[in-house]
Amino acid sequence: MQHKTESKSRSLHLAAASLAGTSLEANLKHINITLATSDAVWEVYLDPKWARQRLRLYGAQDRALEQFFKKLSSEWPAAM
């Protein structure tokens, strides 16, 4: 019984960690597709155009968080 429980637990961890679920065949297919397309994905990811776009996005997120916390800290003493 304990082996069955451990096996089910492993399957649930695998399903949570992979888009392919718990099927061995589906996981192998997912791995093969990932390996076959990884060079193309990295080529696009490292393209300077997309790097600049990510940098702008991170900068915008940073500014938004800074404004939020600045507003929060200015309102905090008034609430006490």
C-alpha atoms as a PDB file:
ATOM      1  CA  MET A   1       0.000   0.000   0.000  1.00  0.00           C
ATOM      2  CA  GLN A   2       2.832   2.385   0.861  1.00  0.00           C
ATOM      3  CA  HIS A   3       4.423   1.834  -2.578  1.00  0.00           C
ATOM      4  CA  LYS A   4       1.144   2.761  -4.262  1.00  0.00           C
ATOM      5  CA  THR A   5       0.903   5.936  -2.156  1.00  0.00           C
ATOM      6  CA  GLU A   6       4.510   6.898  -2.966  1.00  0.00           C
ATOM      7  CA  SER A   7       3.921   6.244  -6.659  1.00  0.00           C
ATOM      8  CA  LYS A   8       0.790   8.398  -6.650  1.00  0.00           C
ATOM      9  CA  SER A   9       2.661  11.150  -4.809  1.00  0.00           C
ATOM     10  CA  ARG A  10       5.438  11.075  -7.419  1.00  0.00           C
ATOM     11  CA  SER A  11       2.869  11.235 -10.205  1.00  0.00           C
ATOM     12  CA  LEU A  12       1.252  14.279  -8.633  1.00  0.00           C
ATOM     13  CA  HIS A  13       4.640  16.005  -8.327  1.00  0.00           C
ATOM     14  CA  LEU A  14       5.377  15.194 -11.961  1.00  0.00           C
ATOM     15  CA  ALA A  15       2.001  16.529 -13.057  1.00  0.00           C
ATOM     16  CA  ALA A  16       2.586  19.747 -11.124  1.00  0.00           C
ATOM     17  CA  ALA A  17       6.078  20.220 -12.591  1.00  0.00           C
ATOM     18  CA  SER A  18       5.271  19.471 -16.216  1.00  0.00           C
ATOM     19  CA  LEU A  19       2.720  20.611 -18.734  1.00  0.00           C
ATOM     20  CA  ALA A  20       2.645  17.048 -20.030  1.00  0.00           C
ATOM     21  CA  GLY A  21       0.975  15.601 -16.936  1.00  0.00           C
ATOM     22  CA  THR A  22       1.786  12.134 -15.644  1.00  0.00           C
ATOM     23  CA  SER A  23       1.924  10.123 -18.874  1.00  0.00           C
ATOM     24  CA  LEU A  24       5.421   8.881 -19.728  1.00  0.00           C
ATOM     25  CA  GLU A  25       4.708   9.152 -23.448  1.00  0.00           C
ATOM     26  CA  ALA A  26       3.416  12.705 -23.086  1.00  0.00           C
ATOM     27  CA  ASN A  27       6.477  13.672 -21.030  1.00  0.00           C
ATOM     28  CA  LEU A  28       8.858  12.170 -23.602  1.00  0.00           C
ATOM     29  CA  LYS A  29       7.047  14.027 -26.387  1.00  0.00           C
ATOM     30  CA  HIS A  30       7.241  17.264 -24.374  1.00  0.00           C
ATOM     31  CA  ILE A  31      10.973  16.763 -23.740  1.00  0.00           C
ATOM     32  CA  ASN A  32      11.677  16.019 -27.420  1.00  0.00           C
ATOM     33  CA  ILE A  33       9.774  19.103 -28.577  1.00  0.00           C
ATOM     34  CA  THR A  34      11.527  21.271 -25.992  1.00  0.00           C
ATOM     35  CA  LEU A  35      14.942  20.001 -27.090  1.00  0.00           C
ATOM     36  CA  ALA A  36      14.095  20.431 -30.777  1.00  0.00           C
ATOM     37  CA  THR A  37      12.954  24.034 -30.371  1.00  0.00           C
ATOM     38  CA  SER A  38      15.341  25.290 -27.685  1.00  0.00           C
ATOM     39  CA  ASP A  39      17.884  26.761 -30.150  1.00  0.00           C
ATOM     40  CA  ALA A  40      15.193  28.775 -31.928  1.00  0.00           C
ATOM     41  CA  VAL A  41      13.730  29.956 -28.616  1.00  0.00           C
ATOM     42  CA  TRP A  42      17.139  31.126 -27.383  1.00  0.00           C
ATOM     43  CA  GLU A  43      17.842  32.846 -30.696  1.00  0.00           C
ATOM     44  CA  VAL A  44      14.702  34.942 -30.324  1.00  0.00           C
ATOM     45  CA  TYR A  45      15.210  35.458 -26.584  1.00  0.00           C
ATOM     46  CA  LEU A  46      18.726  36.824 -27.108  1.00  0.00           C
ATOM     47  CA  ASP A  47      17.731  39.098 -30.005  1.00  0.00           C
ATOM     48  CA  PRO A  48      18.650  42.682 -28.998  1.00  0.00           C
ATOM     49  CA  LYS A  49      15.161  43.903 -29.968  1.00  0.00           C
ATOM     50  CA  TRP A  50      13.514  41.617 -27.409  1.00  0.00           C
ATOM     51  CA  ALA A  51      16.220  42.320 -24.824  1.00  0.00           C
ATOM     52  CA  ARG A  52      15.418  46.035 -25.062  1.00  0.00           C
ATOM     53  CA  GLN A  53      11.707  45.289 -24.743  1.00  0.00           C
ATOM     54  CA  ARG A  54      12.301  43.203 -21.601  1.00  0.00           C
ATOM     55  CA  LEU A  55      14.440  45.988 -20.170  1.00  0.00           C
ATOM     56  CA  ARG A  56      11.656  48.526 -20.795  1.00  0.00           C
ATOM     57  CA  LEU A  57       9.145  46.178 -19.177  1.00  0.00           C
ATOM     58  CA  TYR A  58      11.305  45.650 -16.090  1.00  0.00           C
ATOM     59  CA  GLY A  59      11.887  49.395 -15.861  1.00  0.00           C
ATOM     60  CA  ALA A  60       8.143  50.063 -16.044  1.00  0.00           C
ATOM     61  CA  GLN A  61       7.487  47.453 -13.348  1.00  0.00           C
ATOM     62  CA  ASP A  62      10.188  48.991 -11.161  1.00  0.00           C
ATOM     63  CA  ARG A  63       8.705  52.475 -11.548  1.00  0.00           C
ATOM     64  CA  ALA A  64       5.191  51.218 -10.809  1.00  0.00           C
ATOM     65  CA  LEU A  65       6.349  49.462  -7.639  1.00  0.00           C
ATOM     66  CA  GLU A  66       8.340  52.519  -6.567  1.00  0.00           C
ATOM     67  CA  GLN A  67       5.277  54.753  -6.986  1.00  0.00           C
ATOM     68  CA  PHE A  68       3.086  52.274  -5.123  1.00  0.00           C
ATOM     69  CA  PHE A  69       5.415  52.022  -2.134  1.00  0.00           C
ATOM     70  CA  LYS A  70       6.026  55.766  -2.094  1.00  0.00           C
ATOM     71  CA  LYS A  71       2.256  56.363  -1.955  1.00  0.00           C
ATOM     72  CA  LEU A  72       1.849  53.641   0.654  1.00  0.00           C
ATOM     73  CA  SER A  73       4.592  55.082   2.867  1.00  0.00           C
ATOM     74  CA  SER A  74       3.146  58.593   2.604  1.00  0.00           C
ATOM     75  CA  GLU A  75      -0.304  57.334   3.650  1.00  0.00           C
ATOM     76  CA  TRP A  76       0.996  55.069   6.429  1.00  0.00           C
ATOM     77  CA  PRO A  77       1.699  57.739   9.112  1.00  0.00           C
ATOM     78  CA  ALA A  78      -1.701  59.341   8.478  1.00  0.00           C
ATOM     79  CA  ALA A  79      -3.418  56.039   9.266  1.00  0.00           C
ATOM     80  CA  MET A  80      -1.836  55.810  12.732  1.00  0.00           C
END
